[in-house]
Amino acid sequence: MSKRKEDFFTRFTSAISAWLGRPWIFVSALGILVLWGATGPLLGFSDTWQLIINTGTTIVTFLMVFIIQNTQNRDNLAFNIKQDAIMRKLKITERDLIEAEDQSDTHLEKRKKTIQKRIEKGSRNKKGKR
């Protein structure tokens, strides 16, 4: 894929994600649902009336999955790069911390508990030295 196409898709998904995250978009969507609900009695709660909202929400949901996933992937990658830079600067060389995103959930939970115990032990040691 060319750099130009990647840049377009990145710019597109970032702009759409930022735009759709605004409160007025939520209020607009809620307004559409209220309007749709209000038209139910006028249209006799017909199958077509139901199909309109089902089709619309399905299409929006389908497209939003890809936009959200793209922005999350990019944010996670940027976070990992920044975190790796900090770890290098602090000279943290523990391999399982550096490669944490590649570990299983079980391993990560164990590692989290180990780090929490270290922190608690360090806090107790500092309190005792005062």
Protein backbone atom coordinates (compact mmCIF):
# COMPACT_ATOMS: atom_id res chain seq x y z
CA MET A 1 0.00 0.00 0.00
CA SER A 2 1.34 3.39 -0.88
CA LYS A 3 2.21 6.02 1.71
CA ARG A 4 -0.39 8.39 0.28
CA LYS A 5 -3.24 5.86 0.68
CA GLU A 6 -2.17 5.05 4.24
CA ASP A 7 -2.07 8.72 5.09
CA PHE A 8 -5.54 9.25 3.60
CA PHE A 9 -7.07 6.36 5.56
CA THR A 10 -5.36 7.48 8.76
CA ARG A 11 -6.54 11.04 8.31
CA PHE A 12 -10.02 9.85 7.37
CA THR A 13 -10.48 7.51 10.36
CA SER A 14 -9.00 10.05 12.78
CA ALA A 15 -11.31 12.79 11.52
CA ILE A 16 -14.39 10.56 11.56
CA SER A 17 -13.55 9.23 15.02
CA ALA A 18 -13.05 12.75 16.41
CA TRP A 19 -16.22 13.99 14.72
CA LEU A 20 -18.37 11.09 15.93
CA GLY A 21 -17.10 11.50 19.48
CA ARG A 22 -18.75 14.90 19.89
CA PRO A 23 -21.75 15.29 22.21
CA TRP A 24 -23.90 16.87 19.50
CA ILE A 25 -23.53 13.71 17.38
CA PHE A 26 -24.91 11.66 20.26
CA VAL A 27 -27.80 14.11 20.69
CA SER A 28 -28.45 13.98 16.92
CA ALA A 29 -28.51 10.18 16.95
CA LEU A 30 -30.88 10.24 19.90
CA GLY A 31 -33.05 12.73 18.02
CA ILE A 32 -33.19 10.43 15.00
CA LEU A 33 -34.30 7.57 17.24
CA VAL A 34 -37.00 9.71 18.85
CA LEU A 35 -38.18 10.87 15.42
CA TRP A 36 -38.21 7.30 14.16
CA GLY A 37 -40.17 6.18 17.23
CA ALA A 38 -42.66 9.00 16.80
CA THR A 39 -43.35 7.96 13.21
CA GLY A 40 -44.29 4.45 14.32
CA PRO A 41 -47.98 5.18 14.93
CA LEU A 42 -48.21 7.15 11.68
CA LEU A 43 -46.77 4.24 9.71
CA GLY A 44 -48.66 1.58 11.63
CA PHE A 45 -45.48 0.11 13.13
CA SER A 46 -45.04 -1.67 9.81
CA ASP A 47 -42.26 -4.04 8.82
CA THR A 48 -40.81 -1.30 6.60
CA TRP A 49 -40.78 1.10 9.56
CA GLN A 50 -38.81 -1.45 11.61
CA LEU A 51 -36.55 -2.31 8.68
CA ILE A 52 -35.48 1.34 8.35
CA ILE A 53 -33.97 1.51 11.83
CA ASN A 54 -32.57 -2.03 11.71
CA THR A 55 -30.81 -1.43 8.40
CA GLY A 56 -29.54 2.01 9.37
CA THR A 57 -28.10 0.92 12.71
CA THR A 58 -26.56 -2.22 11.22
CA ILE A 59 -24.75 -0.23 8.52
CA VAL A 60 -23.51 2.39 10.98
CA THR A 61 -22.35 -0.26 13.46
CA PHE A 62 -20.57 -2.27 10.76
CA LEU A 63 -18.63 0.77 9.52
CA MET A 64 -17.86 2.09 13.01
CA VAL A 65 -16.22 -1.20 14.02
CA PHE A 66 -13.49 -0.63 11.42
CA ILE A 67 -13.03 3.04 12.27
CA ILE A 68 -12.80 2.38 16.00
CA GLN A 69 -10.46 -0.58 15.52
CA ASN A 70 -8.16 1.46 13.29
CA THR A 71 -7.92 4.33 15.76
CA GLN A 72 -7.39 1.93 18.68
CA ASN A 73 -4.65 0.06 16.83
CA ARG A 74 -2.87 3.31 16.01
CA ASP A 75 -3.24 4.65 19.56
CA ASN A 76 -1.95 1.38 21.05
CA LEU A 77 1.04 1.35 18.72
CA ALA A 78 1.89 4.97 19.53
CA PHE A 79 1.55 4.24 23.25
CA ASN A 80 3.82 1.18 22.99
CA ILE A 81 6.47 3.19 21.12
CA LYS A 82 6.39 5.92 23.77
CA GLN A 83 6.45 3.40 26.58
CA ASP A 84 9.40 1.55 25.02
CA ALA A 85 11.30 4.84 24.74
CA ILE A 86 10.67 5.57 28.42
CA MET A 87 11.75 2.07 29.40
CA ARG A 88 14.99 2.45 27.42
CA LYS A 89 15.63 5.82 29.04
CA LEU A 90 15.07 4.32 32.50
CA LYS A 91 17.20 1.31 31.54
CA ILE A 92 14.42 -1.20 32.20
CA THR A 93 15.60 -4.39 30.55
CA GLU A 94 13.16 -7.03 31.80
CA ARG A 95 12.21 -8.87 28.60
CA ASP A 96 8.66 -9.77 29.68
CA LEU A 97 7.92 -6.10 30.37
CA ILE A 98 9.31 -4.99 27.04
CA GLU A 99 7.28 -7.63 25.19
CA ALA A 100 4.16 -7.43 27.39
CA GLU A 101 1.80 -6.90 24.46
CA ASP A 102 2.78 -10.36 23.18
CA GLN A 103 2.04 -12.15 26.47
CA SER A 104 -1.09 -14.10 27.45
CA ASP A 105 -3.68 -12.62 29.78
CA THR A 106 -2.71 -15.13 32.48
CA HIS A 107 0.96 -14.15 32.26
CA LEU A 108 0.09 -10.45 32.38
CA GLU A 109 -2.09 -10.93 35.47
CA LYS A 110 0.74 -12.80 37.23
CA ARG A 111 3.22 -10.10 36.24
CA LYS A 112 0.86 -7.39 37.48
CA LYS A 113 0.59 -9.08 40.90
CA THR A 114 4.38 -9.43 41.09
CA ILE A 115 4.88 -5.74 40.34
CA GLN A 116 2.17 -4.74 42.82
CA LYS A 117 3.89 -6.79 45.54
CA ARG A 118 7.19 -5.08 44.71
CA ILE A 119 5.54 -1.67 44.95
CA GLU A 120 3.92 -2.53 48.29
CA LYS A 121 7.22 -3.87 49.62
CA GLY A 122 8.99 -0.71 48.46
CA SER A 123 6.35 1.47 50.14
CA ARG A 124 6.73 -0.40 53.42
CA ASN A 125 10.53 -0.10 53.24
CA LYS A 126 10.33 3.67 52.67
CA LYS A 127 7.90 4.11 55.59
CA GLY A 128 10.21 2.16 57.87
CA LYS A 129 13.22 4.34 56.95
CA ARG A 130 11.53 7.61 57.94
